[in-house]
Amino acid sequence: MKHKGRAAAAFRRILVAALTIAIGLALVLWGLGLVLGRGAGRPGFGIVGFLLVGFILFSAYFFRDPDAKVPPGEGLIVAPAHGKVDVIDEIEEPHFIGGRARRISMFLSVFDVHVQQAPVAGRVALVRHTPGQFLNALKLESAALNENVVIGFETSEPACGRVAIKLITGLIARRIVPWAAVGDTVAKGERVALIQFGSRVDIYLPAGAEVAVRLGDRVVGGETVVARMKA
């Protein structure tokens, strides 16, 4: 599967950085012990070790990347992310949809999977990064004000038309890593990006889409049907 293992590679980079910092702190504490006496710095070793193990375990959990079980059938649009649906509305989306669009917004806590999936099969026609703020992703205004990356899909299913997803940073999430590039052909449920730590993901659908989820629903990226399009 395309991009399988890239989340694990991101975890390994985080692990190397954490170990480097921990070794540096351990050397400082060791030096402190030499200067101030044998017992100085010993409590710090335990604290550093505890924090390091806790961070490694959390990071391993955060960067998990399960395979999506994509539901069969035409005209089905699946969730692009794992999270909780907290907005369903209609807005203007002039940049890719080209007018009125249905929007479903999902909040991703730090305990959710943060790999994003293609909601439809087709061709990537847009990858656009927009700088912005880093408001708490729980705040709905973060969708408009925060740094984000929009990925637009020209779908291979005529009934679905154009679909876009917006990957939004949060207070903790400061890095969006798109794996899909303009011109790529993607399968429904295929991995397309990674957001590092808590965040929000919007999906923009044609105005004729029949929304299949409700506020408060928890969705699974690449699996949960969030909308249907009729031929």
Protein backbone atom coordinates (compact mmCIF):
# COMPACT_ATOMS: atom_id res chain seq x y z
CA MET A 1 0.00 0.00 0.00
CA LYS A 2 1.25 3.46 -0.92
CA HIS A 3 2.65 5.49 2.02
CA LYS A 4 2.31 2.58 4.45
CA GLY A 5 5.07 2.89 7.03
CA ARG A 6 5.56 6.65 6.69
CA ALA A 7 3.91 7.32 10.06
CA ALA A 8 6.30 4.80 11.61
CA ALA A 9 9.21 6.62 9.96
CA ALA A 10 7.98 9.89 11.52
CA PHE A 11 7.89 8.14 14.90
CA ARG A 12 11.47 6.96 14.46
CA ARG A 13 12.61 10.52 13.77
CA ILE A 14 10.81 11.70 16.92
CA LEU A 15 12.41 8.83 18.85
CA VAL A 16 15.93 9.78 17.71
CA ALA A 17 15.33 13.41 18.71
CA ALA A 18 13.97 12.38 22.12
CA LEU A 19 16.91 10.06 22.79
CA THR A 20 19.37 12.76 21.75
CA ILE A 21 17.80 15.24 24.18
CA ALA A 22 17.66 12.62 26.95
CA ILE A 23 21.34 11.71 26.48
CA GLY A 24 22.25 15.40 26.60
CA LEU A 25 20.34 15.87 29.86
CA ALA A 26 21.92 12.73 31.31
CA LEU A 27 25.39 14.07 30.50
CA VAL A 28 24.55 17.37 32.17
CA LEU A 29 23.36 15.55 35.29
CA TRP A 30 26.46 13.35 35.28
CA GLY A 31 28.63 16.45 35.04
CA LEU A 32 26.65 18.04 37.87
CA GLY A 33 27.38 14.97 40.00
CA LEU A 34 31.12 15.28 39.31
CA VAL A 35 31.14 18.93 40.27
CA LEU A 36 28.83 18.94 43.30
CA GLY A 37 29.30 15.46 44.69
CA ARG A 38 28.42 11.85 44.09
CA GLY A 39 24.74 12.14 45.04
CA ALA A 40 24.00 15.32 43.08
CA GLY A 41 21.96 14.83 39.96
CA ARG A 42 20.83 11.29 40.79
CA PRO A 43 17.15 12.20 41.29
CA GLY A 44 17.27 13.86 37.90
CA PHE A 45 18.25 10.61 36.17
CA GLY A 46 15.04 8.99 37.38
CA ILE A 47 12.91 11.93 36.25
CA VAL A 48 14.56 12.04 32.82
CA GLY A 49 14.11 8.27 32.41
CA PHE A 50 10.45 8.41 33.45
CA LEU A 51 9.68 11.28 31.07
CA LEU A 52 11.55 9.61 28.22
CA VAL A 53 9.71 6.30 28.58
CA GLY A 54 6.36 8.10 28.88
CA PHE A 55 7.04 10.18 25.77
CA ILE A 56 8.16 7.17 23.74
CA LEU A 57 5.07 5.16 24.68
CA PHE A 58 2.75 8.07 23.88
CA SER A 59 4.47 8.74 20.55
CA ALA A 60 4.28 5.07 19.54
CA TYR A 61 0.55 5.17 20.28
CA PHE A 62 0.06 8.51 18.50
CA PHE A 63 1.79 7.45 15.28
CA ARG A 64 -0.15 4.21 14.92
CA ASP A 65 -1.42 3.67 11.38
CA PRO A 66 -4.05 0.92 10.96
CA ASP A 67 -5.08 -0.24 7.49
CA ALA A 68 -8.48 1.10 6.46
CA LYS A 69 -11.26 -1.35 5.62
CA VAL A 70 -12.80 0.61 2.75
CA PRO A 71 -16.51 -0.11 2.23
CA PRO A 72 -17.48 -1.30 -1.28
CA GLY A 73 -19.94 0.58 -3.47
CA GLU A 74 -20.08 3.57 -5.82
CA GLY A 75 -21.00 7.07 -4.78
CA LEU A 76 -19.75 6.54 -1.21
CA ILE A 77 -17.52 9.20 0.34
CA VAL A 78 -15.53 8.05 3.37
CA ALA A 79 -14.16 9.99 6.31
CA PRO A 80 -10.72 11.50 5.61
CA ALA A 81 -9.75 11.29 9.29
CA HIS A 82 -10.39 9.62 12.61
CA GLY A 83 -12.24 11.91 15.00
CA LYS A 84 -15.52 13.38 16.21
CA VAL A 85 -17.96 15.18 13.91
CA ASP A 86 -18.73 18.57 15.43
CA VAL A 87 -19.80 20.67 12.42
CA ILE A 88 -22.16 19.90 9.53
CA ASP A 89 -23.12 22.93 7.46
CA GLU A 90 -22.99 24.59 4.05
CA ILE A 91 -20.46 27.25 3.09
CA GLU A 92 -18.92 28.87 0.03
CA GLU A 93 -15.79 27.09 -1.17
CA PRO A 94 -14.63 29.12 -4.18
CA HIS A 95 -11.08 27.76 -4.52
CA PHE A 96 -11.77 24.16 -5.56
CA ILE A 97 -15.44 23.22 -5.33
CA GLY A 98 -16.26 26.52 -7.04
CA GLY A 99 -19.32 27.56 -5.05
CA ARG A 100 -21.66 26.26 -2.39
CA ALA A 101 -20.43 23.12 -0.64
CA ARG A 102 -21.47 20.87 2.20
CA ARG A 103 -18.89 20.81 4.97
CA ILE A 104 -18.32 18.12 7.58
CA SER A 105 -15.71 19.00 10.20
CA MET A 106 -13.98 16.50 12.48
CA PHE A 107 -11.99 17.28 15.63
CA LEU A 108 -8.96 15.04 16.24
CA SER A 109 -7.77 14.80 19.82
CA VAL A 110 -4.19 13.74 20.61
CA PHE A 111 -5.58 10.23 21.23
CA ASP A 112 -6.95 9.83 17.68
CA VAL A 113 -5.10 8.35 14.70
CA HIS A 114 -3.54 11.27 12.81
CA VAL A 115 -2.96 9.71 9.39
CA GLN A 116 -5.45 11.07 6.83
CA GLN A 117 -7.08 9.07 4.03
CA ALA A 118 -8.42 9.97 0.61
CA PRO A 119 -12.23 10.21 0.90
CA VAL A 120 -12.70 9.27 -2.77
CA ALA A 121 -10.78 7.61 -5.58
CA GLY A 122 -9.40 9.84 -8.30
CA ARG A 123 -6.69 12.36 -9.14
CA VAL A 124 -5.11 14.90 -6.79
CA ALA A 125 -5.72 18.25 -8.49
CA LEU A 126 -4.72 20.65 -5.71
CA VAL A 127 -2.35 20.76 -2.74
CA ARG A 128 -2.33 24.26 -1.24
CA HIS A 129 -0.63 25.40 1.99
CA THR A 130 -1.94 28.51 3.75
CA PRO A 131 -0.04 30.03 6.71
CA GLY A 132 -2.10 31.08 9.72
CA GLN A 133 -2.57 30.98 13.46
CA PHE A 134 -2.38 28.04 15.89
CA LEU A 135 -5.65 28.38 17.81
CA ASN A 136 -6.98 25.45 19.81
CA ALA A 137 -8.55 23.11 17.22
CA LEU A 138 -11.60 22.74 19.51
CA LYS A 139 -12.52 26.30 18.55
CA LEU A 140 -14.57 26.34 15.35
CA GLU A 141 -12.88 29.53 14.16
CA SER A 142 -9.64 27.55 13.88
CA ALA A 143 -10.94 26.18 10.57
CA ALA A 144 -10.82 29.68 9.08
CA LEU A 145 -7.83 31.18 10.91
CA ASN A 146 -5.30 28.41 11.48
CA GLU A 147 -2.49 27.24 9.23
CA ASN A 148 -3.85 24.59 6.88
CA VAL A 149 -3.31 22.44 3.81
CA VAL A 150 -6.13 21.85 1.30
CA ILE A 151 -6.03 18.73 -0.88
CA GLY A 152 -8.50 18.66 -3.77
CA PHE A 153 -9.60 15.48 -5.56
CA GLU A 154 -11.11 15.14 -9.03
CA THR A 155 -12.92 11.88 -8.46
CA SER A 156 -13.02 8.94 -10.81
CA GLU A 157 -16.70 8.37 -9.94
CA PRO A 158 -18.80 10.75 -12.06
CA ALA A 159 -21.46 11.04 -9.36
CA CYS A 160 -18.99 12.41 -6.81
CA GLY A 161 -17.51 15.29 -8.80
CA ARG A 162 -14.95 17.36 -6.90
CA VAL A 163 -14.17 16.76 -3.21
CA ALA A 164 -11.65 18.57 -1.03
CA ILE A 165 -10.23 18.11 2.45
CA LYS A 166 -8.67 20.79 4.65
CA LEU A 167 -6.06 19.68 7.18
CA ILE A 168 -5.92 22.24 10.00
CA THR A 169 -3.26 22.74 12.65
CA GLY A 170 -4.12 23.24 16.32
CA LEU A 171 -2.59 24.58 19.51
CA ILE A 172 -0.27 21.56 19.76
CA ALA A 173 -0.33 20.38 16.14
CA ARG A 174 2.16 22.59 14.32
CA ARG A 175 3.09 20.38 11.38
CA ILE A 176 1.08 19.06 8.45
CA VAL A 177 2.87 16.59 6.18
CA PRO A 178 1.03 15.98 2.89
CA TRP A 179 2.12 12.79 1.19
CA ALA A 180 -0.03 13.23 -1.92
CA ALA A 181 1.12 15.52 -4.73
CA VAL A 182 -0.70 17.16 -7.62
CA GLY A 183 -1.13 14.62 -10.40
CA ASP A 184 -1.12 11.57 -8.13
CA THR A 185 -3.82 8.98 -8.63
CA VAL A 186 -5.25 7.78 -5.32
CA ALA A 187 -7.54 4.96 -4.24
CA LYS A 188 -10.36 5.56 -1.80
CA GLY A 189 -9.02 5.16 1.73
CA GLU A 190 -5.40 5.56 0.64
CA ARG A 191 -3.08 7.41 3.03
CA VAL A 192 -2.53 11.00 1.88
CA ALA A 193 -1.16 12.99 4.85
CA LEU A 194 -0.13 13.16 8.50
CA ILE A 195 -0.86 15.87 11.07
CA GLN A 196 1.44 15.81 14.08
CA PHE A 197 -0.62 16.02 17.28
CA GLY A 198 -4.17 17.42 17.93
CA SER A 199 -5.95 19.06 15.02
CA ARG A 200 -9.05 19.37 12.81
CA VAL A 201 -9.99 18.07 9.35
CA ASP A 202 -12.78 19.46 7.14
CA ILE A 203 -14.22 17.75 4.08
CA TYR A 204 -15.97 19.81 1.38
CA LEU A 205 -18.58 18.02 -0.71
CA PRO A 206 -20.74 18.98 -3.67
CA ALA A 207 -23.99 20.66 -2.58
CA GLY A 208 -25.95 17.62 -3.76
CA ALA A 209 -24.19 15.23 -1.36
CA GLU A 210 -26.40 13.32 1.08
CA VAL A 211 -24.71 13.53 4.48
CA ALA A 212 -24.65 10.14 6.25
CA VAL A 213 -23.31 11.17 9.68
CA ARG A 214 -24.65 13.24 12.57
CA LEU A 215 -23.15 15.67 15.04
CA GLY A 216 -21.29 13.82 17.76
CA ASP A 217 -20.58 10.74 15.64
CA ARG A 218 -17.09 9.28 15.84
CA VAL A 219 -15.71 8.42 12.42
CA VAL A 220 -12.88 6.17 11.25
CA GLY A 221 -10.67 7.42 8.45
CA GLY A 222 -11.06 5.49 5.21
CA GLU A 223 -13.94 3.42 6.63
CA THR A 224 -16.90 5.46 7.87
CA VAL A 225 -19.24 6.60 5.07
CA VAL A 226 -19.81 10.32 5.70
CA ALA A 227 -21.83 11.06 2.53
CA ARG A 228 -23.43 9.53 -0.52
CA MET A 229 -23.76 10.86 -4.04
CA LYS A 230 -26.58 9.80 -6.32
CA ALA A 231 -25.88 9.23 -9.98
